[in-house]
Amino acid sequence: MAIMVNLDVMMAKRKMSLGELAQKVDITMANLSILKNNKARAVRFSTLEAICKALDCQPGDILEFVPDGEEEL
């Protein structure tokens, strides 16, 4: 099982760059990039809340459950 982060999809829908989102959320571009590229092992609710506020979306718009064997490599 895996939780996929579709942050890049929401950023594209909102026409927001990584740098702009990092500034609005007050997180480093490096840490935001780790999250965007599905390399993060955890995310704080406060960070998720700030991302959702900046992108005007719900957590389910960003996070997706993918059953075993269905992950994209």
PDB file of N, CA and C in Angstrom:
ATOM      1  N   MET A   1       0.835  -1.175   0.000  1.00  0.00           N
ATOM      2  CA  MET A   1       0.000   0.000   0.000  1.00  0.00           C
ATOM      3  C   MET A   1       0.877   1.234   0.000  1.00  0.00           C
ATOM      4  N   ALA A   2       0.377   2.264  -0.613  1.00  0.00           N
ATOM      5  CA  ALA A   2       1.149   3.503  -0.680  1.00  0.00           C
ATOM      6  C   ALA A   2       0.206   4.703  -0.686  1.00  0.00           C
ATOM      7  N   ILE A   3       0.681   5.758  -0.119  1.00  0.00           N
ATOM      8  CA  ILE A   3      -0.022   7.037  -0.203  1.00  0.00           C
ATOM      9  C   ILE A   3       0.739   7.877  -1.220  1.00  0.00           C
ATOM     10  N   MET A   4       0.068   8.240  -2.281  1.00  0.00           N
ATOM     11  CA  MET A   4       0.677   9.044  -3.324  1.00  0.00           C
ATOM     12  C   MET A   4       0.329  10.508  -3.093  1.00  0.00           C
ATOM     13  N   VAL A   5       1.294  11.365  -3.323  1.00  0.00           N
ATOM     14  CA  VAL A   5       1.095  12.802  -3.166  1.00  0.00           C
ATOM     15  C   VAL A   5       0.938  13.412  -4.555  1.00  0.00           C
ATOM     16  N   ASN A   6      -0.230  13.970  -4.816  1.00  0.00           N
ATOM     17  CA  ASN A   6      -0.529  14.572  -6.113  1.00  0.00           C
ATOM     18  C   ASN A   6      -0.415  16.095  -6.048  1.00  0.00           C
ATOM     19  N   LEU A   7       0.591  16.548  -5.346  1.00  0.00           N
ATOM     20  CA  LEU A   7       0.788  17.982  -5.165  1.00  0.00           C
ATOM     21  C   LEU A   7       1.037  18.689  -6.498  1.00  0.00           C
ATOM     22  N   ASP A   8       1.791  18.046  -7.375  1.00  0.00           N
ATOM     23  CA  ASP A   8       2.089  18.660  -8.668  1.00  0.00           C
ATOM     24  C   ASP A   8       0.827  18.884  -9.498  1.00  0.00           C
ATOM     25  N   VAL A   9      -0.148  17.981  -9.368  1.00  0.00           N
ATOM     26  CA  VAL A   9      -1.415  18.121 -10.096  1.00  0.00           C
ATOM     27  C   VAL A   9      -2.169  19.358  -9.614  1.00  0.00           C
ATOM     28  N   MET A  10      -2.267  19.509  -8.285  1.00  0.00           N
ATOM     29  CA  MET A  10      -2.983  20.665  -7.737  1.00  0.00           C
ATOM     30  C   MET A  10      -2.241  21.968  -8.038  1.00  0.00           C
ATOM     31  N   MET A  11      -0.922  21.932  -7.996  1.00  0.00           N
ATOM     32  CA  MET A  11      -0.146  23.132  -8.325  1.00  0.00           C
ATOM     33  C   MET A  11      -0.394  23.541  -9.774  1.00  0.00           C
ATOM     34  N   ALA A  12      -0.459  22.567 -10.667  1.00  0.00           N
ATOM     35  CA  ALA A  12      -0.711  22.866 -12.077  1.00  0.00           C
ATOM     36  C   ALA A  12      -2.119  23.437 -12.265  1.00  0.00           C
ATOM     37  N   LYS A  13      -3.097  22.853 -11.575  1.00  0.00           N
ATOM     38  CA  LYS A  13      -4.476  23.350 -11.677  1.00  0.00           C
ATOM     39  C   LYS A  13      -4.583  24.789 -11.194  1.00  0.00           C
ATOM     40  N   ARG A  14      -3.802  25.135 -10.187  1.00  0.00           N
ATOM     41  CA  ARG A  14      -3.841  26.483  -9.614  1.00  0.00           C
ATOM     42  C   ARG A  14      -2.803  27.411 -10.253  1.00  0.00           C
ATOM     43  N   LYS A  15      -2.042  26.868 -11.208  1.00  0.00           N
ATOM     44  CA  LYS A  15      -0.996  27.635 -11.904  1.00  0.00           C
ATOM     45  C   LYS A  15      -0.038  28.287 -10.907  1.00  0.00           C
ATOM     46  N   MET A  16       0.435  27.452  -9.950  1.00  0.00           N
ATOM     47  CA  MET A  16       1.324  27.941  -8.906  1.00  0.00           C
ATOM     48  C   MET A  16       2.659  27.196  -8.999  1.00  0.00           C
ATOM     49  N   SER A  17       3.737  27.942  -8.914  1.00  0.00           N
ATOM     50  CA  SER A  17       5.065  27.341  -8.976  1.00  0.00           C
ATOM     51  C   SER A  17       5.463  26.792  -7.616  1.00  0.00           C
ATOM     52  N   LEU A  18       6.476  25.946  -7.620  1.00  0.00           N
ATOM     53  CA  LEU A  18       6.998  25.371  -6.382  1.00  0.00           C
ATOM     54  C   LEU A  18       7.498  26.478  -5.461  1.00  0.00           C
ATOM     55  N   GLY A  19       8.194  27.439  -6.016  1.00  0.00           N
ATOM     56  CA  GLY A  19       8.714  28.553  -5.227  1.00  0.00           C
ATOM     57  C   GLY A  19       7.619  29.396  -4.597  1.00  0.00           C
ATOM     58  N   GLU A  20       6.567  29.657  -5.369  1.00  0.00           N
ATOM     59  CA  GLU A  20       5.453  30.452  -4.861  1.00  0.00           C
ATOM     60  C   GLU A  20       4.736  29.713  -3.729  1.00  0.00           C
ATOM     61  N   LEU A  21       4.511  28.398  -3.914  1.00  0.00           N
ATOM     62  CA  LEU A  21       3.852  27.615  -2.871  1.00  0.00           C
ATOM     63  C   LEU A  21       4.728  27.525  -1.628  1.00  0.00           C
ATOM     64  N   ALA A  22       6.017  27.321  -1.820  1.00  0.00           N
ATOM     65  CA  ALA A  22       6.939  27.244  -0.684  1.00  0.00           C
ATOM     66  C   ALA A  22       6.895  28.530   0.135  1.00  0.00           C
ATOM     67  N   GLN A  23       6.833  29.646  -0.546  1.00  0.00           N
ATOM     68  CA  GLN A  23       6.772  30.935   0.147  1.00  0.00           C
ATOM     69  C   GLN A  23       5.462  31.093   0.906  1.00  0.00           C
ATOM     70  N   LYS A  24       4.333  30.721   0.284  1.00  0.00           N
ATOM     71  CA  LYS A  24       3.032  30.849   0.935  1.00  0.00           C
ATOM     72  C   LYS A  24       2.892  29.919   2.135  1.00  0.00           C
ATOM     73  N   VAL A  25       3.487  28.733   2.046  1.00  0.00           N
ATOM     74  CA  VAL A  25       3.368  27.732   3.108  1.00  0.00           C
ATOM     75  C   VAL A  25       4.460  27.917   4.158  1.00  0.00           C
ATOM     76  N   ASP A  26       5.474  28.708   3.831  1.00  0.00           N
ATOM     77  CA  ASP A  26       6.630  28.926   4.710  1.00  0.00           C
ATOM     78  C   ASP A  26       7.368  27.618   4.984  1.00  0.00           C
ATOM     79  N   ILE A  27       7.740  26.956   3.890  1.00  0.00           N
ATOM     80  CA  ILE A  27       8.501  25.713   3.925  1.00  0.00           C
ATOM     81  C   ILE A  27       9.592  25.837   2.871  1.00  0.00           C
ATOM     82  N   THR A  28      10.703  25.172   3.081  1.00  0.00           N
ATOM     83  CA  THR A  28      11.778  25.287   2.095  1.00  0.00           C
ATOM     84  C   THR A  28      11.374  24.602   0.793  1.00  0.00           C
ATOM     85  N   MET A  29      11.922  25.083  -0.300  1.00  0.00           N
ATOM     86  CA  MET A  29      11.649  24.462  -1.595  1.00  0.00           C
ATOM     87  C   MET A  29      12.135  23.017  -1.600  1.00  0.00           C
ATOM     88  N   ALA A  30      13.247  22.744  -0.917  1.00  0.00           N
ATOM     89  CA  ALA A  30      13.776  21.378  -0.860  1.00  0.00           C
ATOM     90  C   ALA A  30      12.786  20.435  -0.178  1.00  0.00           C
ATOM     91  N   ASN A  31      12.234  20.854   0.954  1.00  0.00           N
ATOM     92  CA  ASN A  31      11.268  20.007   1.661  1.00  0.00           C
ATOM     93  C   ASN A  31       9.968  19.860   0.882  1.00  0.00           C
ATOM     94  N   LEU A  32       9.526  20.910   0.236  1.00  0.00           N
ATOM     95  CA  LEU A  32       8.319  20.837  -0.576  1.00  0.00           C
ATOM     96  C   LEU A  32       8.548  19.922  -1.783  1.00  0.00           C
ATOM     97  N   SER A  33       9.729  19.970  -2.339  1.00  0.00           N
ATOM     98  CA  SER A  33      10.076  19.108  -3.462  1.00  0.00           C
ATOM     99  C   SER A  33      10.073  17.635  -3.050  1.00  0.00           C
ATOM    100  N   ILE A  34      10.565  17.349  -1.861  1.00  0.00           N
ATOM    101  CA  ILE A  34      10.549  15.977  -1.339  1.00  0.00           C
ATOM    102  C   ILE A  34       9.111  15.484  -1.238  1.00  0.00           C
ATOM    103  N   LEU A  35       8.239  16.325  -0.758  1.00  0.00           N
ATOM    104  CA  LEU A  35       6.831  15.965  -0.646  1.00  0.00           C
ATOM    105  C   LEU A  35       6.216  15.775  -2.029  1.00  0.00           C
ATOM    106  N   LYS A  36       6.478  16.700  -2.923  1.00  0.00           N
ATOM    107  CA  LYS A  36       5.913  16.664  -4.279  1.00  0.00           C
ATOM    108  C   LYS A  36       6.347  15.427  -5.053  1.00  0.00           C
ATOM    109  N   ASN A  37       7.560  14.966  -4.801  1.00  0.00           N
ATOM    110  CA  ASN A  37       8.111  13.823  -5.534  1.00  0.00           C
ATOM    111  C   ASN A  37       7.896  12.489  -4.828  1.00  0.00           C
ATOM    112  N   ASN A  38       6.958  12.457  -3.884  1.00  0.00           N
ATOM    113  CA  ASN A  38       6.606  11.229  -3.166  1.00  0.00           C
ATOM    114  C   ASN A  38       7.778  10.601  -2.421  1.00  0.00           C
ATOM    115  N   LYS A  39       8.691  11.405  -1.932  1.00  0.00           N
ATOM    116  CA  LYS A  39       9.834  10.909  -1.173  1.00  0.00           C
ATOM    117  C   LYS A  39       9.672  11.129   0.328  1.00  0.00           C
ATOM    118  N   ALA A  40       8.640  11.854   0.723  1.00  0.00           N
ATOM    119  CA  ALA A  40       8.429  12.161   2.139  1.00  0.00           C
ATOM    120  C   ALA A  40       7.918  10.928   2.872  1.00  0.00           C
ATOM    121  N   ARG A  41       8.377  10.755   4.107  1.00  0.00           N
ATOM    122  CA  ARG A  41       7.928   9.649   4.943  1.00  0.00           C
ATOM    123  C   ARG A  41       6.791  10.091   5.859  1.00  0.00           C
ATOM    124  N   ALA A  42       6.633  11.396   6.035  1.00  0.00           N
ATOM    125  CA  ALA A  42       5.595  11.936   6.911  1.00  0.00           C
ATOM    126  C   ALA A  42       5.327  13.382   6.514  1.00  0.00           C
ATOM    127  N   VAL A  43       4.166  13.852   6.916  1.00  0.00           N
ATOM    128  CA  VAL A  43       3.835  15.264   6.715  1.00  0.00           C
ATOM    129  C   VAL A  43       3.046  15.720   7.940  1.00  0.00           C
ATOM    130  N   ARG A  44       3.402  16.870   8.450  1.00  0.00           N
ATOM    131  CA  ARG A  44       2.688  17.418   9.605  1.00  0.00           C
ATOM    132  C   ARG A  44       1.332  17.932   9.153  1.00  0.00           C
ATOM    133  N   PHE A  45       0.345  17.777  10.032  1.00  0.00           N
ATOM    134  CA  PHE A  45      -0.979  18.292   9.713  1.00  0.00           C
ATOM    135  C   PHE A  45      -0.935  19.799   9.506  1.00  0.00           C
ATOM    136  N   SER A  46      -0.098  20.495  10.231  1.00  0.00           N
ATOM    137  CA  SER A  46      -0.015  21.948  10.067  1.00  0.00           C
ATOM    138  C   SER A  46       0.504  22.301   8.667  1.00  0.00           C
ATOM    139  N   THR A  47       1.433  21.501   8.155  1.00  0.00           N
ATOM    140  CA  THR A  47       1.944  21.719   6.799  1.00  0.00           C
ATOM    141  C   THR A  47       0.870  21.398   5.775  1.00  0.00           C
ATOM    142  N   LEU A  48       0.178  20.279   5.967  1.00  0.00           N
ATOM    143  CA  LEU A  48      -0.905  19.891   5.064  1.00  0.00           C
ATOM    144  C   LEU A  48      -2.005  20.952   5.057  1.00  0.00           C
ATOM    145  N   GLU A  49      -2.321  21.467   6.228  1.00  0.00           N
ATOM    146  CA  GLU A  49      -3.331  22.521   6.341  1.00  0.00           C
ATOM    147  C   GLU A  49      -2.901  23.772   5.569  1.00  0.00           C
ATOM    148  N   ALA A  50      -1.643  24.165   5.717  1.00  0.00           N
ATOM    149  CA  ALA A  50      -1.135  25.350   5.026  1.00  0.00           C
ATOM    150  C   ALA A  50      -1.136  25.153   3.512  1.00  0.00           C
ATOM    151  N   ILE A  51      -0.791  23.955   3.056  1.00  0.00           N
ATOM    152  CA  ILE A  51      -0.799  23.653   1.620  1.00  0.00           C
ATOM    153  C   ILE A  51      -2.223  23.722   1.084  1.00  0.00           C
ATOM    154  N   CYS A  52      -3.162  23.110   1.813  1.00  0.00           N
ATOM    155  CA  CYS A  52      -4.563  23.141   1.383  1.00  0.00           C
ATOM    156  C   CYS A  52      -5.109  24.568   1.340  1.00  0.00           C
ATOM    157  N   LYS A  53      -4.724  25.362   2.315  1.00  0.00           N
ATOM    158  CA  LYS A  53      -5.167  26.765   2.339  1.00  0.00           C
ATOM    159  C   LYS A  53      -4.600  27.524   1.146  1.00  0.00           C
ATOM    160  N   ALA A  54      -3.309  27.345   0.867  1.00  0.00           N
ATOM    161  CA  ALA A  54      -2.658  28.051  -0.239  1.00  0.00           C
ATOM    162  C   ALA A  54      -3.205  27.625  -1.595  1.00  0.00           C
ATOM    163  N   LEU A  55      -3.568  26.340  -1.726  1.00  0.00           N
ATOM    164  CA  LEU A  55      -4.054  25.822  -3.006  1.00  0.00           C
ATOM    165  C   LEU A  55      -5.580  25.786  -3.080  1.00  0.00           C
ATOM    166  N   ASP A  56      -6.243  26.202  -1.986  1.00  0.00           N
ATOM    167  CA  ASP A  56      -7.703  26.187  -1.922  1.00  0.00           C
ATOM    168  C   ASP A  56      -8.244  24.816  -2.323  1.00  0.00           C
ATOM    169  N   CYS A  57      -7.819  23.793  -1.559  1.00  0.00           N
ATOM    170  CA  CYS A  57      -8.231  22.427  -1.856  1.00  0.00           C
ATOM    171  C   CYS A  57      -8.406  21.637  -0.565  1.00  0.00           C
ATOM    172  N   GLN A  58      -8.802  20.399  -0.699  1.00  0.00           N
ATOM    173  CA  GLN A  58      -8.978  19.482   0.414  1.00  0.00           C
ATOM    174  C   GLN A  58      -7.789  18.520   0.470  1.00  0.00           C
ATOM    175  N   PRO A  59      -7.487  17.935   1.639  1.00  0.00           N
ATOM    176  CA  PRO A  59      -6.384  16.969   1.725  1.00  0.00           C
ATOM    177  C   PRO A  59      -6.525  15.816   0.728  1.00  0.00           C
ATOM    178  N   GLY A  60      -7.759  15.388   0.472  1.00  0.00           N
ATOM    179  CA  GLY A  60      -7.996  14.310  -0.491  1.00  0.00           C
ATOM    180  C   GLY A  60      -7.660  14.688  -1.925  1.00  0.00           C
ATOM    181  N   ASP A  61      -7.556  15.980  -2.198  1.00  0.00           N
ATOM    182  CA  ASP A  61      -7.133  16.425  -3.534  1.00  0.00           C
ATOM    183  C   ASP A  61      -5.639  16.222  -3.720  1.00  0.00           C
ATOM    184  N   ILE A  62      -4.920  16.136  -2.615  1.00  0.00           N
ATOM    185  CA  ILE A  62      -3.461  16.027  -2.650  1.00  0.00           C
ATOM    186  C   ILE A  62      -2.982  14.607  -2.369  1.00  0.00           C
ATOM    187  N   LEU A  63      -3.643  13.938  -1.428  1.00  0.00           N
ATOM    188  CA  LEU A  63      -3.232  12.608  -0.996  1.00  0.00           C
ATOM    189  C   LEU A  63      -4.156  11.550  -1.582  1.00  0.00           C
ATOM    190  N   GLU A  64      -3.557  10.451  -2.065  1.00  0.00           N
ATOM    191  CA  GLU A  64      -4.326   9.375  -2.685  1.00  0.00           C
ATOM    192  C   GLU A  64      -3.796   8.031  -2.213  1.00  0.00           C
ATOM    193  N   PHE A  65      -4.675   7.133  -1.808  1.00  0.00           N
ATOM    194  CA  PHE A  65      -4.293   5.780  -1.419  1.00  0.00           C
ATOM    195  C   PHE A  65      -4.229   4.912  -2.670  1.00  0.00           C
ATOM    196  N   VAL A  66      -3.111   4.211  -2.846  1.00  0.00           N
ATOM    197  CA  VAL A  66      -2.933   3.307  -3.977  1.00  0.00           C
ATOM    198  C   VAL A  66      -2.613   1.926  -3.404  1.00  0.00           C
ATOM    199  N   PRO A  67      -3.461   0.917  -3.661  1.00  0.00           N
ATOM    200  CA  PRO A  67      -3.221  -0.430  -3.138  1.00  0.00           C
ATOM    201  C   PRO A  67      -1.902  -1.025  -3.647  1.00  0.00           C
ATOM    202  N   ASP A  68      -1.410  -2.036  -2.928  1.00  0.00           N
ATOM    203  CA  ASP A  68      -0.171  -2.726  -3.315  1.00  0.00           C
ATOM    204  C   ASP A  68      -0.195  -3.141  -4.772  1.00  0.00           C
ATOM    205  N   GLY A  69       0.935  -2.971  -5.429  1.00  0.00           N
ATOM    206  CA  GLY A  69       1.094  -3.401  -6.812  1.00  0.00           C
ATOM    207  C   GLY A  69       0.561  -2.442  -7.840  1.00  0.00           C
ATOM    208  N   GLU A  70      -0.083  -1.379  -7.417  1.00  0.00           N
ATOM    209  CA  GLU A  70      -0.647  -0.416  -8.371  1.00  0.00           C
ATOM    210  C   GLU A  70       0.127   0.894  -8.412  1.00  0.00           C
ATOM    211  N   GLU A  71       1.222   0.990  -7.628  1.00  0.00           N
ATOM    212  CA  GLU A  71       1.995   2.219  -7.613  1.00  0.00           C
ATOM    213  C   GLU A  71       2.717   2.394  -8.932  1.00  0.00           C
ATOM    214  N   GLU A  72       2.844   3.649  -9.348  1.00  0.00           N
ATOM    215  CA  GLU A  72       3.659   3.967 -10.522  1.00  0.00           C
ATOM    216  C   GLU A  72       5.105   4.018 -10.082  1.00  0.00           C
ATOM    217  N   LEU A  73       5.976   3.432 -10.858  1.00  0.00           N
ATOM    218  CA  LEU A  73       7.397   3.446 -10.504  1.00  0.00           C
ATOM    219  C   LEU A  73       8.106   4.586 -11.140  1.00  0.00           C
TER     220      LEU A  73
END
